[in-house]
Amino acid sequence: MEYVLIIARSITYAQRMSVALEQVGVTNRIYRAPAGLTERGCAYAVRIREQDLPKALTALHQAQIRPVQIYLFSHGAYQELPER
């Protein structure tokens, strides 16, 4: 199963991301960022389907919310995606 984690700097930003994504129909869930993905101990992640990434990034840009990092989970491993 492939999915994308959009890393937010705090729970508040993750919640803002979630609302912005829901407004454009992108299903998502908020999680604590997995250990090792971020240097920030308090980071949270918003999980979305891989195919929703372009729509999600557009929605976050329009809401002026900038992700800390973006990771694709595929074949059992995380791969950092370049900033778009």
C-alpha atoms as a PDB file:
ATOM      1  CA  MET A   1       0.000   0.000   0.000  1.00  0.00           C
ATOM      2  CA  GLU A   2       1.407   3.359  -1.020  1.00  0.00           C
ATOM      3  CA  TYR A   3       0.589   6.622   0.712  1.00  0.00           C
ATOM      4  CA  VAL A   4       2.043  10.050   1.369  1.00  0.00           C
ATOM      5  CA  LEU A   5       2.900  11.652   4.703  1.00  0.00           C
ATOM      6  CA  ILE A   6       2.928  15.436   4.768  1.00  0.00           C
ATOM      7  CA  ILE A   7       4.948  16.511   7.803  1.00  0.00           C
ATOM      8  CA  ALA A   8       3.690  19.482   9.827  1.00  0.00           C
ATOM      9  CA  ARG A   9       5.687  21.325  12.469  1.00  0.00           C
ATOM     10  CA  SER A  10       2.968  20.973  15.135  1.00  0.00           C
ATOM     11  CA  ILE A  11      -0.437  19.474  15.806  1.00  0.00           C
ATOM     12  CA  THR A  12      -2.005  22.881  15.102  1.00  0.00           C
ATOM     13  CA  TYR A  13      -0.491  22.997  11.607  1.00  0.00           C
ATOM     14  CA  ALA A  14      -1.485  19.386  10.982  1.00  0.00           C
ATOM     15  CA  GLN A  15      -5.064  20.267  11.930  1.00  0.00           C
ATOM     16  CA  ARG A  16      -5.001  23.281   9.596  1.00  0.00           C
ATOM     17  CA  MET A  17      -3.677  21.054   6.817  1.00  0.00           C
ATOM     18  CA  SER A  18      -6.409  18.522   7.485  1.00  0.00           C
ATOM     19  CA  VAL A  19      -9.148  21.159   7.251  1.00  0.00           C
ATOM     20  CA  ALA A  20      -7.721  22.614   4.018  1.00  0.00           C
ATOM     21  CA  LEU A  21      -7.536  19.135   2.503  1.00  0.00           C
ATOM     22  CA  GLU A  22     -11.050  18.181   3.579  1.00  0.00           C
ATOM     23  CA  GLN A  23     -12.388  21.346   1.935  1.00  0.00           C
ATOM     24  CA  VAL A  24     -11.168  20.097  -1.461  1.00  0.00           C
ATOM     25  CA  GLY A  25     -12.248  16.497  -0.887  1.00  0.00           C
ATOM     26  CA  VAL A  26      -8.890  14.947   0.033  1.00  0.00           C
ATOM     27  CA  THR A  27      -9.391  12.233   2.639  1.00  0.00           C
ATOM     28  CA  ASN A  28      -6.704  12.388   5.325  1.00  0.00           C
ATOM     29  CA  ARG A  29      -5.673  11.380   8.840  1.00  0.00           C
ATOM     30  CA  ILE A  30      -3.374  12.993  11.364  1.00  0.00           C
ATOM     31  CA  TYR A  31      -0.607  10.933  13.001  1.00  0.00           C
ATOM     32  CA  ARG A  32       2.518  11.525  15.046  1.00  0.00           C
ATOM     33  CA  ALA A  33       5.410  11.633  12.603  1.00  0.00           C
ATOM     34  CA  PRO A  34       7.256   8.295  12.607  1.00  0.00           C
ATOM     35  CA  ALA A  35      10.565   8.275  14.491  1.00  0.00           C
ATOM     36  CA  GLY A  36      13.498   8.952  12.242  1.00  0.00           C
ATOM     37  CA  LEU A  37      11.617  10.938   9.599  1.00  0.00           C
ATOM     38  CA  THR A  38      12.078  14.295  11.220  1.00  0.00           C
ATOM     39  CA  GLU A  39      14.466  15.972  13.595  1.00  0.00           C
ATOM     40  CA  ARG A  40      11.541  17.657  15.306  1.00  0.00           C
ATOM     41  CA  GLY A  41      10.294  15.660  18.258  1.00  0.00           C
ATOM     42  CA  CYS A  42       6.877  17.290  18.192  1.00  0.00           C
ATOM     43  CA  ALA A  43       6.141  16.872  14.478  1.00  0.00           C
ATOM     44  CA  TYR A  44       2.888  15.479  13.179  1.00  0.00           C
ATOM     45  CA  ALA A  45       2.012  14.013   9.806  1.00  0.00           C
ATOM     46  CA  VAL A  46      -1.065  14.140   7.629  1.00  0.00           C
ATOM     47  CA  ARG A  47      -1.532  10.929   5.653  1.00  0.00           C
ATOM     48  CA  ILE A  48      -3.153  11.005   2.212  1.00  0.00           C
ATOM     49  CA  ARG A  49      -3.407   8.720  -0.801  1.00  0.00           C
ATOM     50  CA  GLU A  50      -0.560   9.074  -3.275  1.00  0.00           C
ATOM     51  CA  GLN A  51      -2.902  10.017  -6.123  1.00  0.00           C
ATOM     52  CA  ASP A  52      -4.256  12.943  -4.063  1.00  0.00           C
ATOM     53  CA  LEU A  53      -0.841  14.617  -3.695  1.00  0.00           C
ATOM     54  CA  PRO A  54      -1.134  17.177  -6.544  1.00  0.00           C
ATOM     55  CA  LYS A  55      -4.588  18.271  -5.369  1.00  0.00           C
ATOM     56  CA  ALA A  56      -3.382  18.389  -1.750  1.00  0.00           C
ATOM     57  CA  LEU A  57      -0.345  20.521  -2.556  1.00  0.00           C
ATOM     58  CA  THR A  58      -2.517  22.978  -4.497  1.00  0.00           C
ATOM     59  CA  ALA A  59      -4.949  23.229  -1.572  1.00  0.00           C
ATOM     60  CA  LEU A  60      -2.137  23.770   0.957  1.00  0.00           C
ATOM     61  CA  HIS A  61      -0.526  26.423  -1.252  1.00  0.00           C
ATOM     62  CA  GLN A  62      -3.842  28.266  -1.566  1.00  0.00           C
ATOM     63  CA  ALA A  63      -4.293  28.091   2.224  1.00  0.00           C
ATOM     64  CA  GLN A  64      -0.711  29.372   2.666  1.00  0.00           C
ATOM     65  CA  ILE A  65       0.291  26.287   4.642  1.00  0.00           C
ATOM     66  CA  ARG A  66       3.788  24.988   3.956  1.00  0.00           C
ATOM     67  CA  PRO A  67       4.727  21.378   4.776  1.00  0.00           C
ATOM     68  CA  VAL A  68       8.012  20.712   6.577  1.00  0.00           C
ATOM     69  CA  GLN A  69       8.688  17.583   4.502  1.00  0.00           C
ATOM     70  CA  ILE A  70       6.796  15.168   2.269  1.00  0.00           C
ATOM     71  CA  TYR A  71       7.393  11.399   2.201  1.00  0.00           C
ATOM     72  CA  LEU A  72       6.119   8.632  -0.010  1.00  0.00           C
ATOM     73  CA  PHE A  73       5.691   5.256   1.693  1.00  0.00           C
ATOM     74  CA  SER A  74       6.216   2.559  -0.898  1.00  0.00           C
ATOM     75  CA  HIS A  75       7.531  -1.027  -0.769  1.00  0.00           C
ATOM     76  CA  GLY A  76       7.959  -0.851   3.006  1.00  0.00           C
ATOM     77  CA  ALA A  77      10.153   2.267   3.102  1.00  0.00           C
ATOM     78  CA  TYR A  78       9.830   6.050   3.240  1.00  0.00           C
ATOM     79  CA  GLN A  79      11.293   8.172   0.464  1.00  0.00           C
ATOM     80  CA  GLU A  80      11.489  11.944   0.843  1.00  0.00           C
ATOM     81  CA  LEU A  81       9.916  13.741  -2.097  1.00  0.00           C
ATOM     82  CA  PRO A  82      11.375  16.981  -3.432  1.00  0.00           C
ATOM     83  CA  GLU A  83       9.511  20.160  -2.645  1.00  0.00           C
ATOM     84  CA  ARG A  84       7.090  21.027  -5.428  1.00  0.00           C
END
